[in-house]
PDB file of N, CA and C in Angstrom:
ATOM      1  N   MET A   1     132.795  74.040 111.328  1.00  0.00           N
ATOM      2  CA  MET A   1     131.852  74.416 112.348  1.00  0.00           C
ATOM      3  C   MET A   1     130.480  74.564 111.713  1.00  0.00           C
ATOM      4  N   SER A   2     129.474  73.851 112.226  1.00  0.00           N
ATOM      5  CA  SER A   2     128.142  73.962 111.657  1.00  0.00           C
ATOM      6  C   SER A   2     127.319  74.949 112.476  1.00  0.00           C
ATOM      7  N   ARG A   3     126.464  75.668 111.789  1.00  0.00           N
ATOM      8  CA  ARG A   3     125.640  76.642 112.484  1.00  0.00           C
ATOM      9  C   ARG A   3     124.318  76.001 112.872  1.00  0.00           C
ATOM     10  N   LYS A   4     123.688  76.571 113.885  1.00  0.00           N
ATOM     11  CA  LYS A   4     122.407  76.063 114.338  1.00  0.00           C
ATOM     12  C   LYS A   4     121.343  76.452 113.307  1.00  0.00           C
ATOM     13  N   ARG A   5     120.607  75.459 112.844  1.00  0.00           N
ATOM     14  CA  ARG A   5     119.561  75.723 111.864  1.00  0.00           C
ATOM     15  C   ARG A   5     118.288  76.162 112.560  1.00  0.00           C
ATOM     16  N   SER A   6     117.627  77.148 111.983  1.00  0.00           N
ATOM     17  CA  SER A   6     116.327  77.588 112.479  1.00  0.00           C
ATOM     18  C   SER A   6     115.289  76.581 112.029  1.00  0.00           C
ATOM     19  N   PRO A   7     114.141  76.537 112.719  1.00  0.00           N
ATOM     20  CA  PRO A   7     113.089  75.648 112.243  1.00  0.00           C
ATOM     21  C   PRO A   7     112.651  76.087 110.846  1.00  0.00           C
ATOM     22  N   GLN A   8     112.342  75.122 110.012  1.00  0.00           N
ATOM     23  CA  GLN A   8     111.907  75.474 108.659  1.00  0.00           C
ATOM     24  C   GLN A   8     110.503  76.057 108.687  1.00  0.00           C
ATOM     25  N   PRO A   9     110.321  77.187 108.010  1.00  0.00           N
ATOM     26  CA  PRO A   9     108.985  77.769 107.961  1.00  0.00           C
ATOM     27  C   PRO A   9     108.065  76.965 107.039  1.00  0.00           C
ATOM     28  N   THR A  10     106.786  76.936 107.400  1.00  0.00           N
ATOM     29  CA  THR A  10     105.785  76.343 106.519  1.00  0.00           C
ATOM     30  C   THR A  10     105.616  77.282 105.328  1.00  0.00           C
ATOM     31  N   PRO A  11     104.925  76.854 104.269  1.00  0.00           N
ATOM     32  CA  PRO A  11     104.706  77.773 103.141  1.00  0.00           C
ATOM     33  C   PRO A  11     104.024  79.086 103.559  1.00  0.00           C
ATOM     34  N   ALA A  12     103.049  79.025 104.438  1.00  0.00           N
ATOM     35  CA  ALA A  12     102.374  80.253 104.890  1.00  0.00           C
ATOM     36  C   ALA A  12     103.322  81.123 105.717  1.00  0.00           C
ATOM     37  N   GLU A  13     104.133  80.501 106.566  1.00  0.00           N
ATOM     38  CA  GLU A  13     105.101  81.253 107.358  1.00  0.00           C
ATOM     39  C   GLU A  13     106.154  81.888 106.454  1.00  0.00           C
ATOM     40  N   LEU A  14     106.499  81.218 105.391  1.00  0.00           N
ATOM     41  CA  LEU A  14     107.459  81.776 104.439  1.00  0.00           C
ATOM     42  C   LEU A  14     106.893  83.051 103.809  1.00  0.00           C
ATOM     43  N   GLN A  15     105.596  83.074 103.540  1.00  0.00           N
ATOM     44  CA  GLN A  15     104.970  84.291 103.000  1.00  0.00           C
ATOM     45  C   GLN A  15     105.064  85.436 104.015  1.00  0.00           C
ATOM     46  N   VAL A  16     104.847  85.130 105.280  1.00  0.00           N
ATOM     47  CA  VAL A  16     104.955  86.153 106.323  1.00  0.00           C
ATOM     48  C   VAL A  16     106.398  86.665 106.382  1.00  0.00           C
ATOM     49  N   LEU A  17     107.358  85.751 106.347  1.00  0.00           N
ATOM     50  CA  LEU A  17     108.762  86.167 106.370  1.00  0.00           C
ATOM     51  C   LEU A  17     109.103  87.036 105.163  1.00  0.00           C
ATOM     52  N   GLN A  18     108.602  86.673 103.988  1.00  0.00           N
ATOM     53  CA  GLN A  18     108.879  87.468 102.791  1.00  0.00           C
ATOM     54  C   GLN A  18     108.331  88.887 102.954  1.00  0.00           C
ATOM     55  N   ALA A  19     107.173  89.011 103.570  1.00  0.00           N
ATOM     56  CA  ALA A  19     106.613  90.344 103.835  1.00  0.00           C
ATOM     57  C   ALA A  19     107.516  91.100 104.814  1.00  0.00           C
ATOM     58  N   LEU A  20     107.960  90.430 105.875  1.00  0.00           N
ATOM     59  CA  LEU A  20     108.813  91.094 106.862  1.00  0.00           C
ATOM     60  C   LEU A  20     110.163  91.491 106.270  1.00  0.00           C
ATOM     61  N   TRP A  21     110.750  90.636 105.441  1.00  0.00           N
ATOM     62  CA  TRP A  21     112.038  90.983 104.831  1.00  0.00           C
ATOM     63  C   TRP A  21     111.924  92.258 104.013  1.00  0.00           C
ATOM     64  N   LYS A  22     110.779  92.492 103.404  1.00  0.00           N
ATOM     65  CA  LYS A  22     110.579  93.704 102.600  1.00  0.00           C
ATOM     66  C   LYS A  22     110.299  94.920 103.469  1.00  0.00           C
ATOM     67  N   MET A  23     109.548  94.735 104.581  1.00  0.00           N
ATOM     68  CA  MET A  23     109.008  95.876 105.307  1.00  0.00           C
ATOM     69  C   MET A  23     109.583  96.097 106.699  1.00  0.00           C
ATOM     70  N   GLN A  24     110.316  95.171 107.238  1.00  0.00           N
ATOM     71  CA  GLN A  24     110.592  95.215 108.671  1.00  0.00           C
ATOM     72  C   GLN A  24     111.295  96.485 109.106  1.00  0.00           C
ATOM     73  N   PRO A  25     110.956  96.889 110.328  1.00  0.00           N
ATOM     74  CA  PRO A  25     109.997  96.267 111.235  1.00  0.00           C
ATOM     75  C   PRO A  25     108.576  96.545 110.779  1.00  0.00           C
ATOM     76  N   ALA A  26     107.639  95.716 111.230  1.00  0.00           N
ATOM     77  CA  ALA A  26     106.250  95.874 110.789  1.00  0.00           C
ATOM     78  C   ALA A  26     105.285  95.416 111.876  1.00  0.00           C
ATOM     79  N   THR A  27     104.133  96.058 111.919  1.00  0.00           N
ATOM     80  CA  THR A  27     103.079  95.644 112.837  1.00  0.00           C
ATOM     81  C   THR A  27     102.295  94.495 112.199  1.00  0.00           C
ATOM     82  N   VAL A  28     101.445  93.872 112.986  1.00  0.00           N
ATOM     83  CA  VAL A  28     100.582  92.814 112.454  1.00  0.00           C
ATOM     84  C   VAL A  28      99.748  93.382 111.308  1.00  0.00           C
ATOM     85  N   ARG A  29      99.219  94.596 111.498  1.00  0.00           N
ATOM     86  CA  ARG A  29      98.388  95.219 110.461  1.00  0.00           C
ATOM     87  C   ARG A  29      99.189  95.409 109.169  1.00  0.00           C
ATOM     88  N   ASP A  30     100.439  95.874 109.300  1.00  0.00           N
ATOM     89  CA  ASP A  30     101.284  96.056 108.109  1.00  0.00           C
ATOM     90  C   ASP A  30     101.449  94.736 107.348  1.00  0.00           C
ATOM     91  N   VAL A  31     101.787  93.686 108.085  1.00  0.00           N
ATOM     92  CA  VAL A  31     101.994  92.372 107.464  1.00  0.00           C
ATOM     93  C   VAL A  31     100.694  91.880 106.837  1.00  0.00           C
ATOM     94  N   HIS A  32      99.599  92.036 107.575  1.00  0.00           N
ATOM     95  CA  HIS A  32      98.301  91.581 107.075  1.00  0.00           C
ATOM     96  C   HIS A  32      97.926  92.301 105.780  1.00  0.00           C
ATOM     97  N   GLU A  33      98.067  93.612 105.744  1.00  0.00           N
ATOM     98  CA  GLU A  33      97.722  94.372 104.533  1.00  0.00           C
ATOM     99  C   GLU A  33      98.597  93.970 103.356  1.00  0.00           C
ATOM    100  N   HIS A  34      99.868  93.729 103.621  1.00  0.00           N
ATOM    101  CA  HIS A  34     100.776  93.301 102.546  1.00  0.00           C
ATOM    102  C   HIS A  34     100.358  91.943 101.995  1.00  0.00           C
ATOM    103  N   MET A  35     100.031  91.019 102.894  1.00  0.00           N
ATOM    104  CA  MET A  35      99.698  89.653 102.478  1.00  0.00           C
ATOM    105  C   MET A  35      98.320  89.546 101.828  1.00  0.00           C
ATOM    106  N   THR A  36      97.413  90.450 102.146  1.00  0.00           N
ATOM    107  CA  THR A  36      96.053  90.347 101.607  1.00  0.00           C
ATOM    108  C   THR A  36      95.807  91.347 100.484  1.00  0.00           C
ATOM    109  N   ALA A  37      96.870  91.921  99.939  1.00  0.00           N
ATOM    110  CA  ALA A  37      96.719  92.892  98.856  1.00  0.00           C
ATOM    111  C   ALA A  37      96.038  92.279  97.639  1.00  0.00           C
ATOM    112  N   ASP A  38      96.338  91.017  97.331  1.00  0.00           N
ATOM    113  CA  ASP A  38      95.732  90.391  96.149  1.00  0.00           C
ATOM    114  C   ASP A  38      94.820  89.223  96.473  1.00  0.00           C
ATOM    115  N   ARG A  39      94.718  88.830  97.736  1.00  0.00           N
ATOM    116  CA  ARG A  39      93.745  87.807  98.114  1.00  0.00           C
ATOM    117  C   ARG A  39      93.350  88.021  99.563  1.00  0.00           C
ATOM    118  N   PRO A  40      92.050  87.898  99.835  1.00  0.00           N
ATOM    119  CA  PRO A  40      91.568  88.190 101.187  1.00  0.00           C
ATOM    120  C   PRO A  40      92.035  87.179 102.220  1.00  0.00           C
ATOM    121  N   GLY A  41      92.069  87.625 103.451  1.00  0.00           N
ATOM    122  CA  GLY A  41      92.433  86.771 104.570  1.00  0.00           C
ATOM    123  C   GLY A  41      92.072  87.476 105.864  1.00  0.00           C
ATOM    124  N   ALA A  42      91.980  86.727 106.931  1.00  0.00           N
ATOM    125  CA  ALA A  42      91.580  87.289 108.215  1.00  0.00           C
ATOM    126  C   ALA A  42      92.788  87.848 108.974  1.00  0.00           C
ATOM    127  N   TYR A  43      92.593  89.001 109.600  1.00  0.00           N
ATOM    128  CA  TYR A  43      93.621  89.626 110.420  1.00  0.00           C
ATOM    129  C   TYR A  43      94.065  88.678 111.534  1.00  0.00           C
ATOM    130  N   THR A  44      93.118  87.984 112.130  1.00  0.00           N
ATOM    131  CA  THR A  44      93.446  87.084 113.239  1.00  0.00           C
ATOM    132  C   THR A  44      94.340  85.935 112.782  1.00  0.00           C
ATOM    133  N   THR A  45      94.211  85.534 111.522  1.00  0.00           N
ATOM    134  CA  THR A  45      95.076  84.478 110.982  1.00  0.00           C
ATOM    135  C   THR A  45      96.517  84.975 110.911  1.00  0.00           C
ATOM    136  N   THR A  46      96.705  86.197 110.424  1.00  0.00           N
ATOM    137  CA  THR A  46      98.049  86.785 110.359  1.00  0.00           C
ATOM    138  C   THR A  46      98.633  86.905 111.761  1.00  0.00           C
ATOM    139  N   LEU A  47      97.821  87.365 112.711  1.00  0.00           N
ATOM    140  CA  LEU A  47      98.266  87.483 114.096  1.00  0.00           C
ATOM    141  C   LEU A  47      98.691  86.125 114.655  1.00  0.00           C
ATOM    142  N   LYS A  48      97.897  85.094 114.412  1.00  0.00           N
ATOM    143  CA  LYS A  48      98.204  83.756 114.917  1.00  0.00           C
ATOM    144  C   LYS A  48      99.507  83.238 114.312  1.00  0.00           C
ATOM    145  N   PHE A  49      99.704  83.441 112.994  1.00  0.00           N
ATOM    146  CA  PHE A  49     100.957  83.029 112.357  1.00  0.00           C
ATOM    147  C   PHE A  49     102.141  83.701 113.040  1.00  0.00           C
ATOM    148  N   LEU A  50     102.051  84.998 113.282  1.00  0.00           N
ATOM    149  CA  LEU A  50     103.158  85.717 113.907  1.00  0.00           C
ATOM    150  C   LEU A  50     103.411  85.213 115.330  1.00  0.00           C
ATOM    151  N   GLN A  51     102.361  84.889 116.067  1.00  0.00           N
ATOM    152  CA  GLN A  51     102.530  84.357 117.417  1.00  0.00           C
ATOM    153  C   GLN A  51     103.238  82.998 117.381  1.00  0.00           C
ATOM    154  N   ILE A  52     102.821  82.141 116.471  1.00  0.00           N
ATOM    155  CA  ILE A  52     103.457  80.823 116.331  1.00  0.00           C
ATOM    156  C   ILE A  52     104.915  80.981 115.901  1.00  0.00           C
ATOM    157  N   MET A  53     105.149  81.886 114.962  1.00  0.00           N
ATOM    158  CA  MET A  53     106.508  82.104 114.467  1.00  0.00           C
ATOM    159  C   MET A  53     107.411  82.685 115.555  1.00  0.00           C
ATOM    160  N   LEU A  54     106.842  83.473 116.455  1.00  0.00           N
ATOM    161  CA  LEU A  54     107.597  83.988 117.593  1.00  0.00           C
ATOM    162  C   LEU A  54     108.039  82.833 118.492  1.00  0.00           C
ATOM    163  N   GLU A  55     107.123  81.917 118.764  1.00  0.00           N
ATOM    164  CA  GLU A  55     107.442  80.741 119.589  1.00  0.00           C
ATOM    165  C   GLU A  55     108.510  79.869 118.932  1.00  0.00           C
ATOM    166  N   LYS A  56     108.490  79.780 117.607  1.00  0.00           N
ATOM    167  CA  LYS A  56     109.457  78.961 116.873  1.00  0.00           C
ATOM    168  C   LYS A  56     110.811  79.653 116.718  1.00  0.00           C
ATOM    169  N   GLY A  57     110.869  80.944 117.030  1.00  0.00           N
ATOM    170  CA  GLY A  57     112.120  81.685 116.886  1.00  0.00           C
ATOM    171  C   GLY A  57     112.346  82.237 115.492  1.00  0.00           C
ATOM    172  N   LEU A  58     111.308  82.266 114.656  1.00  0.00           N
ATOM    173  CA  LEU A  58     111.454  82.797 113.299  1.00  0.00           C
ATOM    174  C   LEU A  58     111.315  84.313 113.248  1.00  0.00           C
ATOM    175  N   VAL A  59     110.637  84.905 114.246  1.00  0.00           N
ATOM    176  CA  VAL A  59     110.473  86.357 114.319  1.00  0.00           C
ATOM    177  C   VAL A  59     110.744  86.809 115.748  1.00  0.00           C
ATOM    178  N   THR A  60     111.002  88.108 115.891  1.00  0.00           N
ATOM    179  CA  THR A  60     111.106  88.725 117.207  1.00  0.00           C
ATOM    180  C   THR A  60     109.988  89.759 117.313  1.00  0.00           C
ATOM    181  N   ARG A  61     109.673  90.140 118.557  1.00  0.00           N
ATOM    182  CA  ARG A  61     108.586  91.101 118.754  1.00  0.00           C
ATOM    183  C   ARG A  61     109.027  92.160 119.750  1.00  0.00           C
ATOM    184  N   GLU A  62     108.803  93.399 119.386  1.00  0.00           N
ATOM    185  CA  GLU A  62     109.062  94.544 120.267  1.00  0.00           C
ATOM    186  C   GLU A  62     107.716  94.946 120.869  1.00  0.00           C
ATOM    187  N   GLU A  63     107.634  94.899 122.187  1.00  0.00           N
ATOM    188  CA  GLU A  63     106.350  95.128 122.853  1.00  0.00           C
ATOM    189  C   GLU A  63     106.260  96.475 123.550  1.00  0.00           C
ATOM    190  N   SER A  64     107.211  97.376 123.328  1.00  0.00           N
ATOM    191  CA  SER A  64     107.223  98.643 124.054  1.00  0.00           C
ATOM    192  C   SER A  64     106.179  99.628 123.532  1.00  0.00           C
ATOM    193  N   GLN A  65     105.688  99.431 122.320  1.00  0.00           N
ATOM    194  CA  GLN A  65     104.673 100.316 121.758  1.00  0.00           C
ATOM    195  C   GLN A  65     103.296  99.677 121.918  1.00  0.00           C
ATOM    196  N   ARG A  66     102.269 100.457 121.652  1.00  0.00           N
ATOM    197  CA  ARG A  66     100.907  99.928 121.755  1.00  0.00           C
ATOM    198  C   ARG A  66     100.714  98.765 120.793  1.00  0.00           C
ATOM    199  N   SER A  67     101.134  98.955 119.554  1.00  0.00           N
ATOM    200  CA  SER A  67     101.085  97.874 118.563  1.00  0.00           C
ATOM    201  C   SER A  67     102.409  97.130 118.606  1.00  0.00           C
ATOM    202  N   HIS A  68     102.342  95.834 118.688  1.00  0.00           N
ATOM    203  CA  HIS A  68     103.565  95.039 118.688  1.00  0.00           C
ATOM    204  C   HIS A  68     104.216  95.131 117.316  1.00  0.00           C
ATOM    205  N   VAL A  69     105.520  95.257 117.332  1.00  0.00           N
ATOM    206  CA  VAL A  69     106.278  95.388 116.093  1.00  0.00           C
ATOM    207  C   VAL A  69     107.134  94.135 115.927  1.00  0.00           C
ATOM    208  N   TYR A  70     107.056  93.527 114.749  1.00  0.00           N
ATOM    209  CA  TYR A  70     107.745  92.266 114.469  1.00  0.00           C
ATOM    210  C   TYR A  70     108.894  92.482 113.495  1.00  0.00           C
ATOM    211  N   LYS A  71     109.911  91.644 113.652  1.00  0.00           N
ATOM    212  CA  LYS A  71     111.051  91.585 112.725  1.00  0.00           C
ATOM    213  C   LYS A  71     111.359  90.124 112.477  1.00  0.00           C
ATOM    214  N   ALA A  72     111.884  89.839 111.297  1.00  0.00           N
ATOM    215  CA  ALA A  72     112.337  88.475 111.004  1.00  0.00           C
ATOM    216  C   ALA A  72     113.577  88.205 111.852  1.00  0.00           C
ATOM    217  N   ALA A  73     113.615  87.045 112.488  1.00  0.00           N
ATOM    218  CA  ALA A  73     114.773  86.654 113.299  1.00  0.00           C
ATOM    219  C   ALA A  73     115.767  85.852 112.471  1.00  0.00           C
ATOM    220  N   VAL A  74     115.388  85.532 111.257  1.00  0.00           N
ATOM    221  CA  VAL A  74     116.245  84.772 110.330  1.00  0.00           C
ATOM    222  C   VAL A  74     116.340  85.569 109.033  1.00  0.00           C
ATOM    223  N   THR A  75     117.481  85.455 108.380  1.00  0.00           N
ATOM    224  CA  THR A  75     117.652  86.176 107.117  1.00  0.00           C
ATOM    225  C   THR A  75     117.084  85.358 105.963  1.00  0.00           C
ATOM    226  N   GLU A  76     116.820  86.050 104.891  1.00  0.00           N
ATOM    227  CA  GLU A  76     116.328  85.384 103.684  1.00  0.00           C
ATOM    228  C   GLU A  76     117.348  84.356 103.201  1.00  0.00           C
ATOM    229  N   GLU A  77     118.620  84.700 103.285  1.00  0.00           N
ATOM    230  CA  GLU A  77     119.676  83.800 102.833  1.00  0.00           C
ATOM    231  C   GLU A  77     119.727  82.533 103.686  1.00  0.00           C
ATOM    232  N   GLU A  78     119.579  82.675 105.002  1.00  0.00           N
ATOM    233  CA  GLU A  78     119.581  81.500 105.887  1.00  0.00           C
ATOM    234  C   GLU A  78     118.441  80.544 105.537  1.00  0.00           C
ATOM    235  N   VAL A  79     117.252  81.106 105.348  1.00  0.00           N
ATOM    236  CA  VAL A  79     116.083  80.280 105.042  1.00  0.00           C
ATOM    237  C   VAL A  79     116.256  79.609 103.685  1.00  0.00           C
ATOM    238  N   GLN A  80     116.717  80.368 102.690  1.00  0.00           N
ATOM    239  CA  GLN A  80     116.923  79.776 101.364  1.00  0.00           C
ATOM    240  C   GLN A  80     117.950  78.653 101.421  1.00  0.00           C
ATOM    241  N   ARG A  81     119.045  78.883 102.136  1.00  0.00           N
ATOM    242  CA  ARG A  81     120.091  77.859 102.251  1.00  0.00           C
ATOM    243  C   ARG A  81     119.555  76.601 102.937  1.00  0.00           C
ATOM    244  N   ASP A  82     118.813  76.785 104.037  1.00  0.00           N
ATOM    245  CA  ASP A  82     118.265  75.632 104.757  1.00  0.00           C
ATOM    246  C   ASP A  82     117.258  74.864 103.917  1.00  0.00           C
ATOM    247  N   LEU A  83     116.377  75.585 103.212  1.00  0.00           N
ATOM    248  CA  LEU A  83     115.383  74.913 102.370  1.00  0.00           C
ATOM    249  C   LEU A  83     116.057  74.178 101.209  1.00  0.00           C
ATOM    250  N   ALA A  84     117.067  74.811 100.604  1.00  0.00           N
ATOM    251  CA  ALA A  84     117.781  74.171  99.495  1.00  0.00           C
ATOM    252  C   ALA A  84     118.537  72.938  99.972  1.00  0.00           C
ATOM    253  N   THR A  85     119.183  73.036 101.142  1.00  0.00           N
ATOM    254  CA  THR A  85     119.909  71.894 101.703  1.00  0.00           C
ATOM    255  C   THR A  85     118.961  70.739 101.958  1.00  0.00           C
ATOM    256  N   ASP A  86     117.805  71.046 102.532  1.00  0.00           N
ATOM    257  CA  ASP A  86     116.812  70.016 102.811  1.00  0.00           C
ATOM    258  C   ASP A  86     116.319  69.375 101.512  1.00  0.00           C
ATOM    259  N   LEU A  87     116.063  70.194 100.500  1.00  0.00           N
ATOM    260  CA  LEU A  87     115.598  69.667  99.212  1.00  0.00           C
ATOM    261  C   LEU A  87     116.659  68.763  98.579  1.00  0.00           C
ATOM    262  N   VAL A  88     117.905  69.188  98.613  1.00  0.00           N
ATOM    263  CA  VAL A  88     118.986  68.370  98.045  1.00  0.00           C
ATOM    264  C   VAL A  88     119.054  67.025  98.756  1.00  0.00           C
ATOM    265  N   GLN A  89     118.936  67.044 100.073  1.00  0.00           N
ATOM    266  CA  GLN A  89     118.998  65.790 100.830  1.00  0.00           C
ATOM    267  C   GLN A  89     117.807  64.883 100.523  1.00  0.00           C
ATOM    268  N   ARG A  90     116.605  65.451 100.571  1.00  0.00           N
ATOM    269  CA  ARG A  90     115.403  64.622 100.437  1.00  0.00           C
ATOM    270  C   ARG A  90     115.124  64.179  99.008  1.00  0.00           C
ATOM    271  N   ALA A  91     115.303  65.072  98.045  1.00  0.00           N
ATOM    272  CA  ALA A  91     114.893  64.755  96.673  1.00  0.00           C
ATOM    273  C   ALA A  91     116.028  64.310  95.767  1.00  0.00           C
ATOM    274  N   PHE A  92     117.271  64.658  96.126  1.00  0.00           N
ATOM    275  CA  PHE A  92     118.385  64.367  95.224  1.00  0.00           C
ATOM    276  C   PHE A  92     119.482  63.546  95.894  1.00  0.00           C
ATOM    277  N   GLY A  93     119.161  62.902  96.999  1.00  0.00           N
ATOM    278  CA  GLY A  93     120.126  62.042  97.675  1.00  0.00           C
ATOM    279  C   GLY A  93     121.411  62.738  98.047  1.00  0.00           C
ATOM    280  N   GLY A  94     121.344  64.037  98.325  1.00  0.00           N
ATOM    281  CA  GLY A  94     122.534  64.790  98.713  1.00  0.00           C
ATOM    282  C   GLY A  94     123.331  65.342  97.547  1.00  0.00           C
ATOM    283  N   SER A  95     122.865  65.142  96.325  1.00  0.00           N
ATOM    284  CA  SER A  95     123.608  65.586  95.146  1.00  0.00           C
ATOM    285  C   SER A  95     123.193  66.999  94.721  1.00  0.00           C
ATOM    286  N   ALA A  96     124.062  67.972  95.002  1.00  0.00           N
ATOM    287  CA  ALA A  96     123.802  69.343  94.565  1.00  0.00           C
ATOM    288  C   ALA A  96     123.806  69.414  93.040  1.00  0.00           C
ATOM    289  N   ALA A  97     124.667  68.626  92.408  1.00  0.00           N
ATOM    290  CA  ALA A  97     124.721  68.597  90.940  1.00  0.00           C
ATOM    291  C   ALA A  97     123.387  68.126  90.371  1.00  0.00           C
ATOM    292  N   GLY A  98     122.773  67.135  91.012  1.00  0.00           N
ATOM    293  CA  GLY A  98     121.474  66.647  90.559  1.00  0.00           C
ATOM    294  C   GLY A  98     120.425  67.746  90.595  1.00  0.00           C
ATOM    295  N   LEU A  99     120.433  68.538  91.653  1.00  0.00           N
ATOM    296  CA  LEU A  99     119.493  69.652  91.761  1.00  0.00           C
ATOM    297  C   LEU A  99     119.738  70.672  90.661  1.00  0.00           C
ATOM    298  N   VAL A 100     120.982  71.079  90.493  1.00  0.00           N
ATOM    299  CA  VAL A 100     121.314  72.096  89.494  1.00  0.00           C
ATOM    300  C   VAL A 100     120.944  71.626  88.090  1.00  0.00           C
ATOM    301  N   MET A 101     121.283  70.377  87.770  1.00  0.00           N
ATOM    302  CA  MET A 101     120.966  69.864  86.426  1.00  0.00           C
ATOM    303  C   MET A 101     119.453  69.806  86.203  1.00  0.00           C
ATOM    304  N   GLN A 102     118.704  69.421  87.231  1.00  0.00           N
ATOM    305  CA  GLN A 102     117.250  69.359  87.107  1.00  0.00           C
ATOM    306  C   GLN A 102     116.666  70.750  86.895  1.00  0.00           C
ATOM    307  N   VAL A 103     117.144  71.713  87.664  1.00  0.00           N
ATOM    308  CA  VAL A 103     116.626  73.079  87.548  1.00  0.00           C
ATOM    309  C   VAL A 103     116.975  73.669  86.182  1.00  0.00           C
ATOM    310  N   LEU A 104     118.226  73.551  85.781  1.00  0.00           N
ATOM    311  CA  LEU A 104     118.636  74.135  84.504  1.00  0.00           C
ATOM    312  C   LEU A 104     118.043  73.384  83.319  1.00  0.00           C
ATOM    313  N   GLY A 105     117.783  72.100  83.482  1.00  0.00           N
ATOM    314  CA  GLY A 105     117.173  71.336  82.404  1.00  0.00           C
ATOM    315  C   GLY A 105     115.689  71.623  82.235  1.00  0.00           C
ATOM    316  N   GLY A 106     115.051  72.075  83.310  1.00  0.00           N
ATOM    317  CA  GLY A 106     113.616  72.313  83.262  1.00  0.00           C
ATOM    318  C   GLY A 106     113.227  73.739  82.961  1.00  0.00           C
ATOM    319  N   LYS A 107     114.165  74.668  83.059  1.00  0.00           N
ATOM    320  CA  LYS A 107     113.871  76.087  82.839  1.00  0.00           C
ATOM    321  C   LYS A 107     115.015  76.693  82.047  1.00  0.00           C
ATOM    322  N   LYS A 108     114.672  77.397  81.002  1.00  0.00           N
ATOM    323  CA  LYS A 108     115.709  78.059  80.205  1.00  0.00           C
ATOM    324  C   LYS A 108     116.283  79.216  81.002  1.00  0.00           C
ATOM    325  N   ALA A 109     117.560  79.114  81.336  1.00  0.00           N
ATOM    326  CA  ALA A 109     118.243  80.187  82.064  1.00  0.00           C
ATOM    327  C   ALA A 109     118.646  81.272  81.076  1.00  0.00           C
ATOM    328  N   SER A 110     118.527  82.526  81.506  1.00  0.00           N
ATOM    329  CA  SER A 110     118.944  83.643  80.659  1.00  0.00           C
ATOM    330  C   SER A 110     120.463  83.672  80.587  1.00  0.00           C
ATOM    331  N   SER A 111     121.005  84.395  79.598  1.00  0.00           N
ATOM    332  CA  SER A 111     122.468  84.494  79.507  1.00  0.00           C
ATOM    333  C   SER A 111     123.032  85.204  80.733  1.00  0.00           C
ATOM    334  N   LYS A 112     122.278  86.130  81.312  1.00  0.00           N
ATOM    335  CA  LYS A 112     122.726  86.815  82.527  1.00  0.00           C
ATOM    336  C   LYS A 112     122.806  85.815  83.687  1.00  0.00           C
ATOM    337  N   GLU A 113     121.810  84.958  83.827  1.00  0.00           N
ATOM    338  CA  GLU A 113     121.822  83.950  84.885  1.00  0.00           C
ATOM    339  C   GLU A 113     122.973  82.963  84.686  1.00  0.00           C
ATOM    340  N   LEU A 114     123.191  82.534  83.453  1.00  0.00           N
ATOM    341  CA  LEU A 114     124.289  81.602  83.175  1.00  0.00           C
ATOM    342  C   LEU A 114     125.643  82.233  83.495  1.00  0.00           C
ATOM    343  N   ALA A 115     125.780  83.526  83.187  1.00  0.00           N
ATOM    344  CA  ALA A 115     127.030  84.229  83.502  1.00  0.00           C
ATOM    345  C   ALA A 115     127.231  84.297  85.022  1.00  0.00           C
ATOM    346  N   GLN A 116     126.153  84.549  85.762  1.00  0.00           N
ATOM    347  CA  GLN A 116     126.248  84.577  87.228  1.00  0.00           C
ATOM    348  C   GLN A 116     126.646  83.207  87.758  1.00  0.00           C
ATOM    349  N   ILE A 117     126.072  82.149  87.201  1.00  0.00           N
ATOM    350  CA  ILE A 117     126.391  80.784  87.626  1.00  0.00           C
ATOM    351  C   ILE A 117     127.854  80.475  87.338  1.00  0.00           C
ATOM    352  N   ARG A 118     128.341  80.874  86.135  1.00  0.00           N
ATOM    353  CA  ARG A 118     129.746  80.641  85.786  1.00  0.00           C
ATOM    354  C   ARG A 118     130.691  81.356  86.747  1.00  0.00           C
ATOM    355  N   ARG A 119     130.349  82.629  87.064  1.00  0.00           N
ATOM    356  CA  ARG A 119     131.180  83.391  88.000  1.00  0.00           C
ATOM    357  C   ARG A 119     131.202  82.710  89.374  1.00  0.00           C
ATOM    358  N   PHE A 120     130.039  82.256  89.818  1.00  0.00           N
ATOM    359  CA  PHE A 120     129.947  81.587  91.111  1.00  0.00           C
ATOM    360  C   PHE A 120     130.789  80.316  91.116  1.00  0.00           C
ATOM    361  N   LEU A 121     130.689  79.513  90.045  1.00  0.00           N
ATOM    362  CA  LEU A 121     131.471  78.277  89.959  1.00  0.00           C
ATOM    363  C   LEU A 121     132.967  78.577  89.928  1.00  0.00           C
ATOM    364  N   ASP A 122     133.353  79.636  89.204  1.00  0.00           N
ATOM    365  CA  ASP A 122     134.761  80.031  89.159  1.00  0.00           C
ATOM    366  C   ASP A 122     135.255  80.426  90.552  1.00  0.00           C
ATOM    367  N   GLU A 123     134.410  81.157  91.298  1.00  0.00           N
ATOM    368  CA  GLU A 123     134.782  81.542  92.666  1.00  0.00           C
ATOM    369  C   GLU A 123     134.921  80.301  93.548  1.00  0.00           C
ATOM    370  N   MET A 124     133.996  79.367  93.408  1.00  0.00           N
ATOM    371  CA  MET A 124     134.047  78.130  94.206  1.00  0.00           C
ATOM    372  C   MET A 124     135.314  77.349  93.876  1.00  0.00           C
ATOM    373  N   GLU A 125     135.677  77.263  92.606  1.00  0.00           N
ATOM    374  CA  GLU A 125     136.891  76.578  92.183  1.00  0.00           C
ATOM    375  C   GLU A 125     138.122  77.257  92.789  1.00  0.00           C
ATOM    376  N   GLY A 126     138.131  78.587  92.787  1.00  0.00           N
ATOM    377  CA  GLY A 126     139.251  79.343  93.331  1.00  0.00           C
ATOM    378  C   GLY A 126     139.452  79.121  94.815  1.00  0.00           C
ATOM    379  N   ARG A 127     138.369  78.932  95.546  1.00  0.00           N
ATOM    380  CA  ARG A 127     138.464  78.698  96.992  1.00  0.00           C
ATOM    381  C   ARG A 127     139.034  77.336  97.311  1.00  0.00           C
ATOM    382  N   LYS A 128     138.858  76.358  96.413  1.00  0.00           N
ATOM    383  CA  LYS A 128     139.324  75.004  96.666  1.00  0.00           C
ATOM    384  C   LYS A 128     140.800  74.828  96.396  1.00  0.00           C
ATOM    385  N   LYS A 129     141.391  75.735  95.614  1.00  0.00           N
ATOM    386  CA  LYS A 129     142.799  75.601  95.237  1.00  0.00           C
ATOM    387  C   LYS A 129     143.701  75.988  96.353  1.00  0.00           C
TER     388      LYS A 129
END
């Protein structure tokens, strides 16, 4: 059974989602202050992103208070899985092994990360038996 995929967020929308995953629920002002902590940006831009993301189904909005309160409608795991699946399809011809080898070949993984990967692979092997 395949699940319905949410629309993929743009890079800017992904930043908004990352702020919401940390803070939710949050007002536009909360999200704006979080996103502009290290680089300036316009409040109206943050508001427009949230409005567009609401239309796309990436966030929900509670309108019962004076300030609208937003929550992510998608989990971080869902977005990561969808983005990774798309990357594997587009850049690696559907080969998850190709992605993993490229990532591990280009960045030195710590022994802790390698141990996590081994445990994950062992779990995957166990499920197939």
